[in-house]
């Protein structure tokens, strides 16, 4: 799992309550990462309850990722400036309030808005939690602390989808968000009891007569807008078409704002995204691979969770359990492959891993409306999980090793932001391809059927059409297979890029 803010010198003495500090930072980060994936298994239930379209289902995920990816670097800066304990506590409280709003949202629009608030709060939590570990644990114990944080947060992510599925099946999709409230309350209690107060760098700078670091709020706004424009355009395209102003205008505006964002970051004295970190070849290649890998991961898990429930007829719990081998393999094998990459160099491992994962995604093309878990789903998810386990830990280590020591924290934070943005863009982009494939296949199978109901159905992939269940099911299978092919192409491209572009340290 990538993403750590710049480390500052650790105190000489070990923390007074190391176990409680670890528990607080793990729990605070876990709710953020769980909510980036657990919602996938709840989407069919909230679609039925709120009468949501595919675009609205996408935005329930996208609003969260948009805010999280856009603001995670700013969140790290806020912790440095105003105190990590203070920002961590603020993030916890904000995440709890936003989760409560999600749980009681009466409609899709308000749910999307509450998810955006969750993403903003999450952007405060993740960098602050890792910064707390790096500044409270001495160097001799810091690696073990961060390793424990990584293992436990990964385990909780693995536990999230089946738990979410269970809550949906026995209660409601709203329980997925309500579950955060006791976790947040427990974490606030741990924070108040165990986390030490830290002196904000702003106070240190002012006391020394120096200018404190500035928060790049303009950069954060430009980043959110330049990402939000294309995402909005891609989610609206299936309903409006490429030539519609509601698609063309936000897409063009996003591209213009991207140029403005890069120009602003190049001139700002304290940029949110230091462009100089990409001058190192290894960092640039690794981040490009990260974009492709996490785009494939985000699109594949989003589509599979929807398809298994809405087309194959699986329960939310069954769909959540279907994805569990992916996370379990990453937990069990990531550290081993990281040691292999350290011994032989990252090029072979990071090149082979995405190719294996891509093969697993291609194997998902065997999944149909009557999918059998042992024969169709498990082999594909297992092969995909093996490839991801080979890739993720060496990828993070490669980013850190490729950056200058003084930029290691920034490089890791940038890599974390790239991973979040990748999922954001992929769900919108691959979702548009899936929706277009579904509409085309439905038209081919029902050429003589017209009417407003069928026209509306074309914009709702993976949803049965009364009286035309067979045609809708076949169109949904074709759409899933197209989406998995695109995801596999992204993953395979990442493997080729790593094999061609990366250099081992002794090469």
Protein backbone atom coordinates (compact mmCIF):
# COMPACT_ATOMS: atom_id res chain seq x y z
CA UNK A 1 0.00 0.00 0.00
CA UNK A 2 1.56 3.25 -1.07
CA UNK A 3 1.41 6.72 0.37
CA UNK A 4 3.46 8.30 3.12
CA UNK A 5 4.17 11.94 3.84
CA UNK A 6 7.62 13.30 4.24
CA UNK A 7 9.19 11.93 7.36
CA UNK A 8 10.59 14.24 10.00
CA UNK A 9 13.18 13.30 12.61
CA UNK A 10 11.85 10.87 15.18
CA UNK A 11 12.17 11.46 18.90
CA UNK A 12 14.99 9.69 20.69
CA UNK A 13 12.70 7.87 23.11
CA UNK A 14 10.14 5.29 22.03
CA UNK A 15 6.45 6.21 22.34
CA UNK A 16 4.87 5.67 25.75
CA UNK A 17 1.93 3.66 24.39
CA UNK A 18 3.10 2.13 21.11
CA UNK A 19 0.29 -0.42 20.93
CA UNK A 20 -2.44 2.17 21.32
CA UNK A 21 -0.78 4.52 18.83
CA UNK A 22 -0.59 1.72 16.27
CA UNK A 23 -4.23 0.77 16.93
CA UNK A 24 -5.41 4.36 16.45
CA UNK A 25 -3.54 4.92 13.20
CA UNK A 26 -4.55 1.51 11.81
CA UNK A 27 -8.22 2.01 12.64
CA UNK A 28 -8.28 5.56 11.30
CA UNK A 29 -6.74 4.54 7.98
CA UNK A 30 -8.68 1.31 7.69
CA UNK A 31 -12.07 3.00 7.49
CA UNK A 32 -10.79 5.11 4.59
CA UNK A 33 -9.48 2.18 2.56
CA UNK A 34 -12.45 -0.06 3.39
CA UNK A 35 -14.88 2.57 2.14
CA UNK A 36 -13.06 2.77 -1.20
CA UNK A 37 -14.01 -0.88 -1.97
CA UNK A 38 -16.75 -2.11 0.35
CA UNK A 39 -19.35 0.12 -1.31
CA UNK A 40 -19.03 -1.88 -4.55
CA UNK A 41 -21.00 -4.79 -3.10
CA UNK A 42 -23.71 -2.40 -1.87
CA UNK A 43 -24.28 -0.70 -5.24
CA UNK A 44 -27.00 -3.06 -6.52
CA UNK A 45 -28.98 -2.70 -3.29
CA UNK A 46 -28.78 1.08 -3.25
CA UNK A 47 -29.65 1.12 -6.98
CA UNK A 48 -32.87 -0.72 -6.24
CA UNK A 49 -33.67 1.40 -3.18
CA UNK A 50 -32.81 4.79 -4.67
CA UNK A 51 -33.64 3.93 -8.33
CA UNK A 52 -30.11 4.93 -9.30
CA UNK A 53 -28.72 4.78 -12.84
CA UNK A 54 -25.32 3.36 -13.72
CA UNK A 55 -23.93 6.91 -13.78
CA UNK A 56 -25.24 7.53 -10.25
CA UNK A 57 -23.80 4.21 -9.09
CA UNK A 58 -20.47 5.27 -10.58
CA UNK A 59 -20.59 8.62 -8.81
CA UNK A 60 -21.21 6.98 -5.43
CA UNK A 61 -17.70 5.57 -5.91
CA UNK A 62 -16.23 8.40 -7.98
CA UNK A 63 -17.12 11.31 -5.68
CA UNK A 64 -15.21 9.63 -2.88
CA UNK A 65 -12.15 8.82 -5.01
CA UNK A 66 -12.17 12.28 -6.61
CA UNK A 67 -11.89 14.11 -3.30
CA UNK A 68 -9.50 11.57 -1.80
CA UNK A 69 -7.14 11.56 -4.78
CA UNK A 70 -7.25 15.32 -5.27
CA UNK A 71 -6.64 16.29 -1.66
CA UNK A 72 -4.47 13.57 -0.11
CA UNK A 73 -1.28 15.57 -0.74
CA UNK A 74 -2.86 18.70 0.74
CA UNK A 75 -3.94 16.62 3.73
CA UNK A 76 -0.33 15.70 4.40
CA UNK A 77 0.71 19.35 4.21
CA UNK A 78 -2.04 20.38 6.64
CA UNK A 79 -0.80 17.81 9.13
CA UNK A 80 2.73 19.16 8.89
CA UNK A 81 1.61 22.75 9.29
CA UNK A 82 -1.06 22.55 11.98
CA UNK A 83 -0.20 19.36 13.86
CA UNK A 84 -0.75 15.77 12.82
CA UNK A 85 -2.77 14.82 15.88
CA UNK A 86 -5.09 17.78 15.34
CA UNK A 87 -5.64 17.05 11.63
CA UNK A 88 -6.03 13.33 12.30
CA UNK A 89 -8.75 14.08 14.88
CA UNK A 90 -10.45 16.51 12.50
CA UNK A 91 -10.39 13.88 9.76
CA UNK A 92 -11.92 11.28 12.08
CA UNK A 93 -14.74 13.58 13.14
CA UNK A 94 -15.41 14.62 9.55
CA UNK A 95 -15.45 11.02 8.34
CA UNK A 96 -17.91 10.08 11.06
CA UNK A 97 -20.29 12.93 10.20
CA UNK A 98 -20.07 12.16 6.47
CA UNK A 99 -20.70 8.45 7.12
CA UNK A 100 -23.83 9.29 9.11
CA UNK A 101 -25.05 11.46 6.22
CA UNK A 102 -24.42 8.58 3.80
CA UNK A 103 -26.39 6.21 6.01
CA UNK A 104 -29.49 8.44 6.05
CA UNK A 105 -29.29 9.87 2.50
CA UNK A 106 -32.81 9.88 1.00
CA UNK A 107 -31.63 9.99 -2.61
CA UNK A 108 -28.69 9.35 -4.91
CA UNK A 109 -27.71 13.01 -5.23
CA UNK A 110 -27.35 13.56 -1.49
CA UNK A 111 -25.54 10.24 -1.14
CA UNK A 112 -22.99 11.33 -3.74
CA UNK A 113 -22.51 14.65 -1.92
CA UNK A 114 -21.97 12.84 1.39
CA UNK A 115 -19.47 10.50 -0.27
CA UNK A 116 -17.53 13.55 -1.45
CA UNK A 117 -17.38 14.76 2.15
CA UNK A 118 -16.09 11.33 3.17
CA UNK A 119 -13.31 11.65 0.60
CA UNK A 120 -12.29 15.07 1.94
CA UNK A 121 -12.09 13.69 5.48
CA UNK A 122 -10.19 10.62 4.27
CA UNK A 123 -7.59 12.87 2.65
CA UNK A 124 -6.84 14.21 6.14
CA UNK A 125 -6.68 10.78 7.78
CA UNK A 126 -4.34 8.67 5.65
CA UNK A 127 -1.27 10.93 5.41
CA UNK A 128 -1.64 12.00 9.03
CA UNK A 129 -1.74 8.40 10.29
CA UNK A 130 1.52 7.47 8.58
CA UNK A 131 3.14 10.75 9.60
CA UNK A 132 2.24 10.03 13.22
CA UNK A 133 4.02 6.67 12.99
CA UNK A 134 7.15 8.15 11.42
CA UNK A 135 7.42 10.90 14.03
CA UNK A 136 6.56 8.92 17.19
CA UNK A 137 8.52 5.71 16.57
CA UNK A 138 12.34 5.82 16.60
CA UNK A 139 14.18 4.61 13.48
CA UNK A 140 14.89 1.17 14.97
CA UNK A 141 11.17 0.49 15.44
CA UNK A 142 9.70 2.58 12.63
CA UNK A 143 9.89 -0.06 9.84
CA UNK A 144 8.17 -2.63 12.04
CA UNK A 145 5.44 -0.12 12.93
CA UNK A 146 4.79 0.81 9.31
CA UNK A 147 4.85 -2.86 8.34
CA UNK A 148 2.27 -3.67 11.01
CA UNK A 149 0.12 -0.76 9.81
CA UNK A 150 0.29 -2.07 6.23
CA UNK A 151 -0.53 -5.65 7.19
CA UNK A 152 -3.52 -4.75 9.35
CA UNK A 153 -5.02 -2.19 6.98
CA UNK A 154 -4.67 -4.69 4.13
CA UNK A 155 -6.36 -7.36 6.25
CA UNK A 156 -9.25 -5.02 7.01
CA UNK A 157 -9.62 -4.21 3.32
CA UNK A 158 -9.84 -7.94 2.63
CA UNK A 159 -12.48 -8.30 5.35
CA UNK A 160 -14.48 -5.31 4.08
CA UNK A 161 -16.34 -6.69 1.02
CA UNK A 162 -17.67 -9.87 2.68
CA UNK A 163 -18.62 -7.88 5.78
CA UNK A 164 -20.35 -5.31 3.59
CA UNK A 165 -22.15 -8.06 1.73
CA UNK A 166 -23.32 -9.58 4.99
CA UNK A 167 -24.64 -6.22 6.22
CA UNK A 168 -26.48 -5.65 2.94
CA UNK A 169 -28.06 -9.11 3.03
CA UNK A 170 -29.18 -9.08 6.68
CA UNK A 171 -29.88 -5.36 7.11
CA UNK A 172 -29.50 -2.69 4.42
CA UNK A 173 -26.89 -0.96 2.29
CA UNK A 174 -27.16 1.87 4.80
CA UNK A 175 -25.56 -0.36 7.43
CA UNK A 176 -22.33 -0.34 5.39
CA UNK A 177 -21.94 3.35 6.24
CA UNK A 178 -23.41 3.15 9.74
CA UNK A 179 -20.74 0.59 10.63
CA UNK A 180 -18.15 3.37 10.44
CA UNK A 181 -19.66 5.21 13.39
CA UNK A 182 -18.60 2.87 16.23
CA UNK A 183 -15.20 2.41 14.58
CA UNK A 184 -14.71 6.17 14.41
CA UNK A 185 -15.85 6.58 18.03
CA UNK A 186 -13.35 3.96 19.19
CA UNK A 187 -10.58 5.61 17.19
CA UNK A 188 -11.37 9.05 18.64
CA UNK A 189 -11.11 7.57 22.13
CA UNK A 190 -7.75 5.98 21.30
CA UNK A 191 -6.53 9.23 19.79
CA UNK A 192 -7.44 11.23 22.88
CA UNK A 193 -5.72 8.73 25.19
CA UNK A 194 -2.61 7.70 23.26
CA UNK A 195 -1.54 10.06 20.50
CA UNK A 196 1.05 12.59 21.62
CA UNK A 197 0.73 16.27 20.85
CA UNK A 198 3.15 17.40 18.16
CA UNK A 199 4.43 20.88 17.54
CA UNK A 200 3.14 22.17 14.20
CA UNK A 201 5.83 23.13 11.71
CA UNK A 202 4.03 26.44 11.27
CA UNK A 203 4.74 27.37 14.89
CA UNK A 204 8.35 26.20 14.56
CA UNK A 205 8.88 28.31 11.46
CA UNK A 206 7.28 31.41 12.96
CA UNK A 207 9.34 31.05 16.14
CA UNK A 208 12.50 30.89 14.03
CA UNK A 209 11.48 33.92 11.98
CA UNK A 210 10.95 31.85 8.82
CA UNK A 211 7.98 31.75 6.47
CA UNK A 212 5.89 28.63 7.07
CA UNK A 213 5.02 26.40 4.13
CA UNK A 214 1.95 27.55 2.22
CA UNK A 215 -1.02 25.31 1.53
CA UNK A 216 -1.62 25.01 -2.20
CA UNK A 217 -5.40 25.41 -2.11
CA UNK A 218 -5.56 26.73 -5.69
CA UNK A 219 -3.69 23.66 -6.87
CA UNK A 220 -6.08 21.39 -4.98
CA UNK A 221 -9.13 23.07 -6.54
CA UNK A 222 -7.61 22.94 -10.03
CA UNK A 223 -6.75 19.26 -9.52
CA UNK A 224 -10.28 18.38 -8.47
CA UNK A 225 -11.80 20.30 -11.38
CA UNK A 226 -9.46 18.95 -14.05
CA UNK A 227 -10.28 15.40 -12.89
CA UNK A 228 -13.96 16.02 -12.27
CA UNK A 229 -14.64 17.41 -15.76
CA UNK A 230 -13.62 14.28 -17.71
CA UNK A 231 -15.18 11.96 -15.12
CA UNK A 232 -18.51 13.80 -15.39
CA UNK A 233 -18.31 13.73 -19.18
CA UNK A 234 -17.60 9.99 -19.28
CA UNK A 235 -20.45 9.13 -16.92
CA UNK A 236 -22.90 11.26 -18.94
CA UNK A 237 -21.78 10.09 -22.39
CA UNK A 238 -23.92 6.91 -22.50
CA UNK A 239 -27.05 9.01 -22.01
CA UNK A 240 -26.16 12.11 -24.06
CA UNK A 241 -23.60 11.07 -26.69
CA UNK A 242 -20.15 12.50 -27.40
CA UNK A 243 -21.40 15.56 -29.29
CA UNK A 244 -23.74 16.82 -26.57
CA UNK A 245 -22.70 20.02 -24.76
CA UNK A 246 -23.12 18.23 -21.44
CA UNK A 247 -20.29 15.89 -22.48
CA UNK A 248 -18.06 17.95 -24.78
CA UNK A 249 -17.90 21.05 -22.57
CA UNK A 250 -16.80 19.40 -19.30
CA UNK A 251 -14.36 17.18 -21.20
CA UNK A 252 -12.73 20.16 -22.91
CA UNK A 253 -12.81 22.19 -19.69
CA UNK A 254 -11.06 19.37 -17.85
CA UNK A 255 -8.24 19.30 -20.37
CA UNK A 256 -7.81 23.09 -20.20
CA UNK A 257 -7.80 22.97 -16.41
CA UNK A 258 -5.21 20.18 -16.49
CA UNK A 259 -2.85 22.49 -18.38
CA UNK A 260 -3.63 25.28 -15.91
CA UNK A 261 -2.97 22.93 -12.97
CA UNK A 262 0.45 21.85 -14.30
CA UNK A 263 1.39 25.48 -15.03
CA UNK A 264 0.34 26.53 -11.52
CA UNK A 265 2.28 23.70 -9.87
CA UNK A 266 5.40 24.58 -11.87
CA UNK A 267 5.34 28.18 -10.54
CA UNK A 268 4.02 27.76 -6.99
CA UNK A 269 6.70 28.05 -4.28
CA UNK A 270 5.11 25.19 -2.25
CA UNK A 271 3.30 23.06 -4.85
CA UNK A 272 0.87 20.33 -3.92
CA UNK A 273 2.41 18.19 -6.67
CA UNK A 274 6.18 18.87 -6.99
CA UNK A 275 6.77 18.17 -10.68
CA UNK A 276 10.49 17.79 -10.08
CA UNK A 277 9.90 14.39 -8.48
CA UNK A 278 9.10 13.01 -11.95
CA UNK A 279 12.52 13.94 -13.32
CA UNK A 280 13.88 10.67 -11.95
CA UNK A 281 13.30 8.05 -14.66
CA UNK A 282 12.39 5.28 -12.22
CA UNK A 283 9.83 7.43 -10.40
CA UNK A 284 8.21 8.54 -13.66
CA UNK A 285 7.98 5.00 -15.06
CA UNK A 286 6.74 3.55 -11.77
CA UNK A 287 4.01 6.18 -11.48
CA UNK A 288 2.91 5.58 -15.07
CA UNK A 289 2.72 1.85 -14.28
CA UNK A 290 0.79 2.68 -11.09
CA UNK A 291 -1.79 4.63 -13.11
CA UNK A 292 -2.36 1.66 -15.45
CA UNK A 293 -2.33 -1.01 -12.72
CA UNK A 294 -4.75 0.69 -10.35
CA UNK A 295 -6.99 1.72 -13.25
CA UNK A 296 -7.34 -1.95 -14.17
CA UNK A 297 -7.86 -2.95 -10.53
CA UNK A 298 -10.54 -0.31 -9.91
CA UNK A 299 -12.47 -1.04 -13.09
CA UNK A 300 -12.36 -4.83 -12.72
CA UNK A 301 -13.50 -4.98 -9.09
CA UNK A 302 -16.26 -2.41 -9.71
CA UNK A 303 -17.67 -4.29 -12.71
CA UNK A 304 -17.36 -7.78 -11.21
CA UNK A 305 -19.19 -6.87 -7.99
CA UNK A 306 -22.07 -5.36 -9.99
CA UNK A 307 -22.29 -8.19 -12.52
CA UNK A 308 -22.26 -11.05 -10.02
CA UNK A 309 -25.20 -9.56 -8.14
CA UNK A 310 -27.31 -7.94 -10.85
CA UNK A 311 -26.83 -10.50 -13.64
CA UNK A 312 -25.57 -13.75 -12.10
CA UNK A 313 -28.00 -13.38 -9.19
CA UNK A 314 -25.47 -13.75 -6.37
CA UNK A 315 -26.13 -12.26 -2.96
CA UNK A 316 -24.08 -9.29 -1.74
CA UNK A 317 -22.23 -11.59 0.68
CA UNK A 318 -21.41 -14.08 -2.08
CA UNK A 319 -20.13 -11.28 -4.32
CA UNK A 320 -17.97 -9.92 -1.48
CA UNK A 321 -16.52 -13.34 -0.72
CA UNK A 322 -15.78 -13.88 -4.41
CA UNK A 323 -13.22 -11.05 -4.31
CA UNK A 324 -11.63 -12.11 -1.03
CA UNK A 325 -8.88 -14.33 -2.58
CA UNK A 326 -7.52 -11.23 -4.32
CA UNK A 327 -6.89 -9.43 -1.03
CA UNK A 328 -5.76 -12.53 0.83
CA UNK A 329 -3.10 -13.31 -1.76
CA UNK A 330 -1.84 -9.75 -1.60
CA UNK A 331 -1.57 -9.99 2.19
CA UNK A 332 0.14 -13.39 2.15
CA UNK A 333 2.55 -12.90 -0.74
CA UNK A 334 3.32 -9.18 -1.14
CA UNK A 335 6.16 -9.15 1.39
CA UNK A 336 7.75 -12.22 -0.21
CA UNK A 337 7.74 -10.70 -3.67
CA UNK A 338 9.11 -7.47 -2.20
CA UNK A 339 12.11 -9.45 -0.92
CA UNK A 340 12.52 -11.11 -4.33
CA UNK A 341 12.50 -7.70 -6.02
CA UNK A 342 15.06 -6.42 -3.52
CA UNK A 343 17.32 -9.38 -4.31
CA UNK A 344 17.08 -9.51 -8.12
CA UNK A 345 15.87 -5.99 -8.91
CA UNK A 346 12.35 -4.66 -9.54
CA UNK A 347 12.28 -4.89 -13.35
CA UNK A 348 11.51 -8.60 -13.70
CA UNK A 349 8.98 -8.72 -10.85
CA UNK A 350 7.14 -5.53 -11.81
CA UNK A 351 7.15 -6.60 -15.44
CA UNK A 352 5.88 -10.12 -14.80
CA UNK A 353 3.31 -9.29 -12.13
CA UNK A 354 1.02 -7.13 -14.30
CA UNK A 355 1.25 -9.67 -17.13
CA UNK A 356 0.02 -12.40 -14.76
CA UNK A 357 -2.71 -10.12 -13.43
CA UNK A 358 -3.71 -9.27 -16.99
CA UNK A 359 -4.04 -12.98 -17.75
CA UNK A 360 -6.35 -13.29 -14.75
CA UNK A 361 -8.52 -10.46 -16.10
CA UNK A 362 -8.71 -12.14 -19.51
CA UNK A 363 -9.78 -15.32 -17.74
CA UNK A 364 -12.72 -13.36 -16.34
CA UNK A 365 -14.12 -13.33 -19.87
CA UNK A 366 -15.28 -16.88 -19.09
CA UNK A 367 -17.73 -15.52 -16.51
CA UNK A 368 -21.31 -15.60 -17.75
CA UNK A 369 -24.81 -15.10 -16.44
CA UNK A 370 -24.74 -18.60 -14.93
CA UNK A 371 -21.24 -18.18 -13.45
CA UNK A 372 -20.04 -20.98 -11.18
CA UNK A 373 -17.64 -19.86 -8.45
CA UNK A 374 -15.20 -22.79 -8.48
CA UNK A 375 -15.08 -23.19 -12.25
CA UNK A 376 -15.36 -19.60 -13.51
CA UNK A 377 -14.67 -17.00 -10.82
CA UNK A 378 -12.13 -18.50 -8.43
CA UNK A 379 -9.41 -19.36 -11.02
CA UNK A 380 -9.60 -15.89 -12.56
CA UNK A 381 -9.61 -14.01 -9.24
CA UNK A 382 -6.76 -16.18 -7.91
CA UNK A 383 -4.55 -15.58 -10.96
CA UNK A 384 -5.36 -11.87 -10.82
CA UNK A 385 -4.50 -11.82 -7.10
CA UNK A 386 -1.18 -13.56 -7.72
CA UNK A 387 -0.21 -10.93 -10.28
CA UNK A 388 -1.23 -8.08 -7.96
CA UNK A 389 0.73 -9.63 -5.07
CA UNK A 390 3.81 -9.73 -7.30
CA UNK A 391 3.34 -6.07 -8.19
CA UNK A 392 2.13 -3.89 -5.33
CA UNK A 393 4.93 -4.04 -2.73
CA UNK A 394 7.80 -3.88 -5.29
CA UNK A 395 6.01 -0.95 -6.92
CA UNK A 396 6.02 1.09 -3.71
CA UNK A 397 9.63 0.16 -2.97
CA UNK A 398 10.66 1.14 -6.51
CA UNK A 399 9.10 4.57 -6.17
CA UNK A 400 10.88 5.20 -2.87
CA UNK A 401 14.23 3.86 -4.12
CA UNK A 402 14.06 5.92 -7.30
CA UNK A 403 13.52 9.24 -5.55
CA UNK A 404 16.14 11.31 -3.79
CA UNK A 405 16.17 10.68 -0.05
CA UNK A 406 14.84 14.17 0.69
CA UNK A 407 11.90 13.54 -1.67
CA UNK A 408 11.04 10.02 -0.50
CA UNK A 409 7.95 11.05 1.45
CA UNK A 410 6.72 13.30 -1.36
CA UNK A 411 7.31 10.56 -3.94
CA UNK A 412 5.33 8.05 -1.90
CA UNK A 413 2.49 10.51 -1.36
CA UNK A 414 2.36 11.29 -5.08
CA UNK A 415 2.27 7.56 -5.86
CA UNK A 416 -0.65 7.13 -3.47
CA UNK A 417 -2.51 10.00 -5.15
CA UNK A 418 -1.83 8.52 -8.60
CA UNK A 419 -3.31 5.19 -7.46
CA UNK A 420 -6.49 6.86 -6.21
CA UNK A 421 -6.84 8.96 -9.38
CA UNK A 422 -6.35 5.86 -11.54
CA UNK A 423 -9.38 4.14 -10.03
CA UNK A 424 -11.40 7.34 -10.40
CA UNK A 425 -10.68 7.70 -14.13
CA UNK A 426 -10.98 3.98 -14.89
CA UNK A 427 -14.43 3.52 -13.39
CA UNK A 428 -15.68 6.43 -15.50
CA UNK A 429 -13.82 5.51 -18.69
CA UNK A 430 -14.34 1.76 -18.66
CA UNK A 431 -17.89 2.34 -17.43
CA UNK A 432 -18.58 4.39 -20.57
CA UNK A 433 -17.21 1.57 -22.75
CA UNK A 434 -19.33 -1.00 -20.91
CA UNK A 435 -22.47 1.13 -21.26
CA UNK A 436 -21.85 1.65 -25.00
CA UNK A 437 -21.28 -2.08 -25.53
CA UNK A 438 -24.44 -2.94 -23.63
CA UNK A 439 -26.55 -0.47 -25.65
CA UNK A 440 -25.14 -1.73 -28.95
CA UNK A 441 -25.67 -5.39 -28.06
CA UNK A 442 -29.19 -4.71 -26.81
CA UNK A 443 -30.04 -2.93 -30.04
CA UNK A 444 -28.66 -5.85 -32.06
CA UNK A 445 -30.70 -8.40 -30.14
CA UNK A 446 -33.91 -6.33 -30.02
CA UNK A 447 -33.90 -4.39 -33.31
CA UNK A 448 -37.67 -4.11 -33.58
CA UNK A 449 -38.37 -3.16 -29.98
CA UNK A 450 -38.75 0.55 -29.25
CA UNK A 451 -40.22 2.72 -26.56
CA UNK A 452 -39.11 4.96 -23.73
CA UNK A 453 -38.72 2.05 -21.30
CA UNK A 454 -36.29 0.20 -23.56
CA UNK A 455 -34.40 3.43 -24.32
CA UNK A 456 -33.97 4.05 -20.61
CA UNK A 457 -32.89 0.43 -20.10
CA UNK A 458 -30.02 0.88 -22.55
CA UNK A 459 -28.48 3.31 -20.08
CA UNK A 460 -28.68 0.79 -17.22
CA UNK A 461 -26.30 -2.10 -17.92
CA UNK A 462 -26.55 -5.24 -15.81
CA UNK A 463 -30.23 -4.53 -14.98
CA UNK A 464 -32.88 -7.07 -16.09
CA UNK A 465 -35.51 -5.82 -18.57
CA UNK A 466 -38.98 -7.26 -17.93
CA UNK A 467 -40.04 -9.33 -20.92
CA UNK A 468 -36.56 -9.25 -22.44
CA UNK A 469 -34.47 -10.92 -19.73
CA UNK A 470 -32.51 -13.14 -22.11
CA UNK A 471 -31.50 -10.28 -24.39
CA UNK A 472 -30.53 -8.08 -21.45
CA UNK A 473 -28.52 -10.90 -19.90
CA UNK A 474 -26.62 -11.60 -23.12
CA UNK A 475 -25.92 -7.89 -23.62
CA UNK A 476 -24.68 -7.62 -20.02
CA UNK A 477 -22.30 -10.55 -20.51
CA UNK A 478 -20.91 -8.95 -23.67
CA UNK A 479 -20.48 -5.65 -21.82
CA UNK A 480 -18.66 -7.33 -18.92
CA UNK A 481 -16.31 -9.14 -21.28
CA UNK A 482 -15.50 -5.89 -23.08
CA UNK A 483 -14.77 -4.16 -19.79
CA UNK A 484 -12.49 -6.96 -18.63
CA UNK A 485 -10.66 -6.88 -21.96
CA UNK A 486 -9.98 -3.17 -21.55
CA UNK A 487 -8.84 -3.70 -17.94
CA UNK A 488 -6.54 -6.53 -19.06
CA UNK A 489 -5.07 -4.31 -21.78
CA UNK A 490 -4.26 -1.64 -19.18
CA UNK A 491 -2.62 -4.20 -16.91
CA UNK A 492 -0.58 -5.79 -19.70
CA UNK A 493 0.54 -2.34 -20.86
CA UNK A 494 1.83 -1.70 -17.33
CA UNK A 495 3.87 -4.90 -17.46
CA UNK A 496 5.40 -4.04 -20.82
CA UNK A 497 6.15 -0.50 -19.66
CA UNK A 498 7.93 -1.83 -16.57
CA UNK A 499 9.98 -4.35 -18.56
CA UNK A 500 11.04 -1.74 -21.09
CA UNK A 501 11.34 1.35 -18.92
CA UNK A 502 12.67 0.24 -15.52
CA UNK A 503 16.34 -0.32 -14.78
CA UNK A 504 17.62 -2.52 -12.00
CA UNK A 505 20.06 -0.78 -9.60
CA UNK A 506 23.10 -2.69 -10.87
CA UNK A 507 22.18 -2.44 -14.55
